[in-house]
Amino acid sequence: MARGPKYREIVREIALDHYGYVTTKAAAAAGVPAVELPKLAARGGLESIAYGLYRVPDLPPHDLDQFAEALLRAGDGAFLHGESVLALFGLADVNPGRIKVAVRKRARPRLPSSIELTRVDADRRTTRYEGLESQTVAEAILECRGRIETERLMDAAKEARASGLLTTTEWQRVKKELQP
C-alpha cells in the first residue's frame, strides 16, 4: 500500500517557497497537524523561531531571509515598509539597523529589537517583490523623505527606474515630489 508524503517532506516543500520558513498556519493548510511541528522541532527537523514560526535548518541561507522572517513574525497582512524596501534592492545605499514592517490593523506580536512595526492606513497599496509583500518602491522612496537625503533618494529613483522597478507614471510622480 502506497503511503503519502511524510509531514517532514510537506513542511520542507513549504519552506522551500518561503526562504526556509514555515508557519503553523501554512503547514495546517497543507494537511500537517499543528501538533506535528513541535515534534519535528524536538527531533531536530525544524528550528523553532517564534510562536507558530519554524525554520528548516538544513536549507541554505538566502540574502532575503531576514525580510521573510520579519514579515512572518509580524503576521498576516504585514508588508515591508520604507527603508527596508530600499534595502531589499540596494537602493539609496541604506542599511537600516531594523527591518521596518507595516501592518494595517493592530498587531502585538513579540518581536526582536531588529524589527520595527508600524501601523498604517488600511488602504495602502502593496505589491510582491521576490515573493515578499512590500510597499511599492515609489511609495517607499517618498516615505523616506526627511530621513534620507533628497539627492540619495533621487539617485535611488533613477536606479529603480533603470531596473524596471518604477513605471513611467511612478517615475514622474517621484521626480516631481522630490524636487525642492
Protein backbone atom coordinates (compact mmCIF):
# COMPACT_ATOMS: atom_id res chain seq x y z
CA MET A 1 0.00 0.00 0.00
CA ALA A 2 1.42 3.38 -1.02
CA ARG A 3 1.87 5.96 1.69
CA GLY A 4 1.56 9.69 1.17
CA PRO A 5 4.41 12.09 1.76
CA LYS A 6 5.73 12.42 5.31
CA TYR A 7 5.00 15.54 7.31
CA ARG A 8 8.68 16.47 7.22
CA GLU A 9 8.62 16.40 3.40
CA ILE A 10 5.48 18.55 3.23
CA VAL A 11 6.96 21.08 5.66
CA ARG A 12 10.20 21.15 3.67
CA GLU A 13 8.31 21.86 0.44
CA ILE A 14 6.51 24.78 2.07
CA ALA A 15 9.80 26.11 3.44
CA LEU A 16 11.48 25.94 0.02
CA ASP A 17 9.00 28.53 -1.23
CA HIS A 18 9.32 30.76 1.85
CA TYR A 19 13.04 31.29 2.40
CA GLY A 20 13.27 28.25 4.67
CA TYR A 21 10.39 29.23 6.96
CA VAL A 22 7.07 27.56 7.66
CA THR A 23 4.20 28.73 9.84
CA THR A 24 1.82 26.52 11.75
CA LYS A 25 -0.98 28.01 9.64
CA ALA A 26 0.71 27.17 6.31
CA ALA A 27 1.52 23.65 7.50
CA ALA A 28 -2.08 23.08 8.62
CA ALA A 29 -3.36 24.30 5.25
CA ALA A 30 -1.13 21.66 3.62
CA GLY A 31 -2.50 18.92 5.86
CA VAL A 32 0.14 18.84 8.59
CA PRO A 33 -1.47 18.95 12.04
CA ALA A 34 -0.21 21.82 14.19
CA VAL A 35 0.96 19.40 16.89
CA GLU A 36 3.45 17.84 14.46
CA LEU A 37 5.65 20.94 14.14
CA PRO A 38 6.86 20.98 17.76
CA LYS A 39 7.50 17.23 17.43
CA LEU A 40 9.62 17.81 14.32
CA ALA A 41 11.45 20.62 16.14
CA ALA A 42 12.16 18.34 19.11
CA ARG A 43 13.73 15.78 16.74
CA GLY A 44 15.89 18.43 15.03
CA GLY A 45 13.93 18.56 11.79
CA LEU A 46 12.82 22.14 12.45
CA GLU A 47 14.14 25.08 14.41
CA SER A 48 11.58 26.99 16.47
CA ILE A 49 11.93 30.71 15.71
CA ALA A 50 8.85 32.19 17.37
CA TYR A 51 5.35 31.14 18.33
CA GLY A 52 3.94 29.37 15.26
CA LEU A 53 7.08 30.01 13.16
CA TYR A 54 9.72 27.44 12.29
CA ARG A 55 12.75 27.19 10.02
CA VAL A 56 14.10 24.13 8.23
CA PRO A 57 17.73 24.18 9.43
CA ASP A 58 19.33 22.31 6.53
CA LEU A 59 18.11 24.72 3.84
CA PRO A 60 20.81 27.09 2.62
CA PRO A 61 20.57 30.70 3.82
CA HIS A 62 19.43 33.43 1.43
CA ASP A 63 20.12 37.17 1.37
CA LEU A 64 16.43 37.88 1.96
CA ASP A 65 15.88 35.53 4.90
CA GLN A 66 15.71 38.32 7.46
CA PHE A 67 12.99 40.11 5.48
CA ALA A 68 10.90 36.94 5.20
CA GLU A 69 11.30 36.23 8.90
CA ALA A 70 10.29 39.78 9.83
CA LEU A 71 7.10 39.54 7.78
CA LEU A 72 6.19 36.12 9.16
CA ARG A 73 6.81 37.27 12.73
CA ALA A 74 4.56 40.31 12.22
CA GLY A 75 1.70 38.15 10.94
CA ASP A 76 -0.89 38.20 8.19
CA GLY A 77 -1.15 41.40 6.20
CA ALA A 78 2.32 42.64 7.15
CA PHE A 79 4.49 44.21 4.47
CA LEU A 80 7.97 45.70 4.10
CA HIS A 81 7.98 49.43 4.53
CA GLY A 82 10.22 52.49 3.97
CA GLU A 83 13.97 51.95 4.16
CA SER A 84 13.52 48.18 4.22
CA VAL A 85 12.09 48.24 0.70
CA LEU A 86 15.07 50.28 -0.47
CA ALA A 87 17.44 47.87 1.31
CA LEU A 88 15.74 44.94 -0.41
CA PHE A 89 17.05 46.26 -3.73
CA GLY A 90 20.20 48.01 -2.51
CA LEU A 91 18.80 51.45 -3.35
CA ALA A 92 19.90 54.75 -1.76
CA ASP A 93 22.80 52.99 -0.06
CA VAL A 94 20.71 52.25 3.03
CA ASN A 95 21.45 49.62 5.61
CA PRO A 96 18.79 50.06 8.27
CA GLY A 97 19.59 48.62 11.68
CA ARG A 98 15.99 47.49 11.93
CA ILE A 99 13.69 45.93 9.37
CA LYS A 100 10.63 48.14 9.01
CA VAL A 101 7.38 46.24 8.72
CA ALA A 102 3.94 47.82 8.39
CA VAL A 103 0.59 46.37 9.40
CA ARG A 104 -2.91 47.62 8.61
CA LYS A 105 -4.55 46.51 11.83
CA ARG A 106 -3.45 46.36 15.41
CA ALA A 107 -0.85 43.68 15.98
CA ARG A 108 1.06 42.86 19.13
CA PRO A 109 3.48 40.10 18.27
CA ARG A 110 6.62 39.63 20.31
CA LEU A 111 9.33 40.98 18.07
CA PRO A 112 13.09 41.18 18.47
CA SER A 113 14.64 44.64 18.51
CA SER A 114 15.77 44.14 14.90
CA ILE A 115 12.17 44.53 13.67
CA GLU A 116 10.24 47.80 13.85
CA LEU A 117 6.47 47.56 13.49
CA THR A 118 4.42 50.49 12.17
CA ARG A 119 0.65 50.71 11.85
CA VAL A 120 -0.58 52.29 8.60
CA ASP A 121 -3.90 53.09 6.93
CA ALA A 122 -5.84 50.11 5.64
CA ASP A 123 -5.91 51.48 2.08
CA ARG A 124 -2.15 51.24 1.49
CA ARG A 125 -1.35 49.58 -1.82
CA THR A 126 1.25 46.82 -1.76
CA THR A 127 2.98 44.56 -4.22
CA ARG A 128 5.21 41.49 -4.08
CA TYR A 129 8.94 41.63 -4.71
CA GLU A 130 10.90 38.37 -4.57
CA GLY A 131 7.81 36.75 -3.03
CA LEU A 132 7.72 39.27 -0.15
CA GLU A 133 4.74 41.56 0.45
CA SER A 134 6.02 45.10 0.20
CA GLN A 135 5.21 48.75 -0.18
CA THR A 136 5.90 49.81 -3.77
CA VAL A 137 9.37 51.19 -4.45
CA ALA A 138 7.85 54.55 -5.44
CA GLU A 139 5.95 54.82 -2.14
CA ALA A 140 8.99 53.69 -0.16
CA ILE A 141 11.18 56.36 -1.75
CA LEU A 142 8.63 59.05 -0.93
CA GLU A 143 8.14 57.61 2.57
CA CYS A 144 11.85 58.13 3.28
CA ARG A 145 11.80 61.89 2.64
CA GLY A 146 13.23 63.68 5.64
CA ARG A 147 15.13 60.59 6.81
CA ILE A 148 17.36 60.14 3.74
CA GLU A 149 18.93 62.96 1.75
CA THR A 150 16.87 64.02 -1.27
CA GLU A 151 19.84 63.58 -3.60
CA ARG A 152 20.25 59.94 -2.49
CA LEU A 153 16.53 59.34 -2.93
CA MET A 154 16.67 60.81 -6.44
CA ASP A 155 19.61 58.52 -7.25
CA ALA A 156 17.62 55.60 -5.87
CA ALA A 157 14.66 56.57 -8.06
CA LYS A 158 16.88 56.74 -11.15
CA GLU A 159 18.37 53.35 -10.38
CA ALA A 160 14.91 51.88 -9.69
CA ARG A 161 13.61 53.28 -12.99
CA ALA A 162 16.57 51.80 -14.89
CA SER A 163 15.95 48.44 -13.18
CA GLY A 164 12.25 48.45 -14.10
CA LEU A 165 11.07 48.91 -10.52
CA LEU A 166 9.25 52.18 -11.31
CA THR A 167 6.67 52.65 -14.03
CA THR A 168 6.78 55.82 -16.11
CA THR A 169 3.91 57.27 -14.07
CA GLU A 170 5.61 56.42 -10.76
CA TRP A 171 8.92 57.84 -12.02
CA GLN A 172 7.25 61.14 -12.99
CA ARG A 173 5.46 61.37 -9.63
CA VAL A 174 8.59 60.60 -7.58
CA LYS A 175 10.68 63.03 -9.62
CA LYS A 176 8.09 65.78 -9.14
CA GLU A 177 7.67 65.19 -5.40
CA LEU A 178 11.42 65.08 -4.74
CA GLN A 179 12.02 68.43 -6.46
CA PRO A 180 12.92 71.20 -3.97
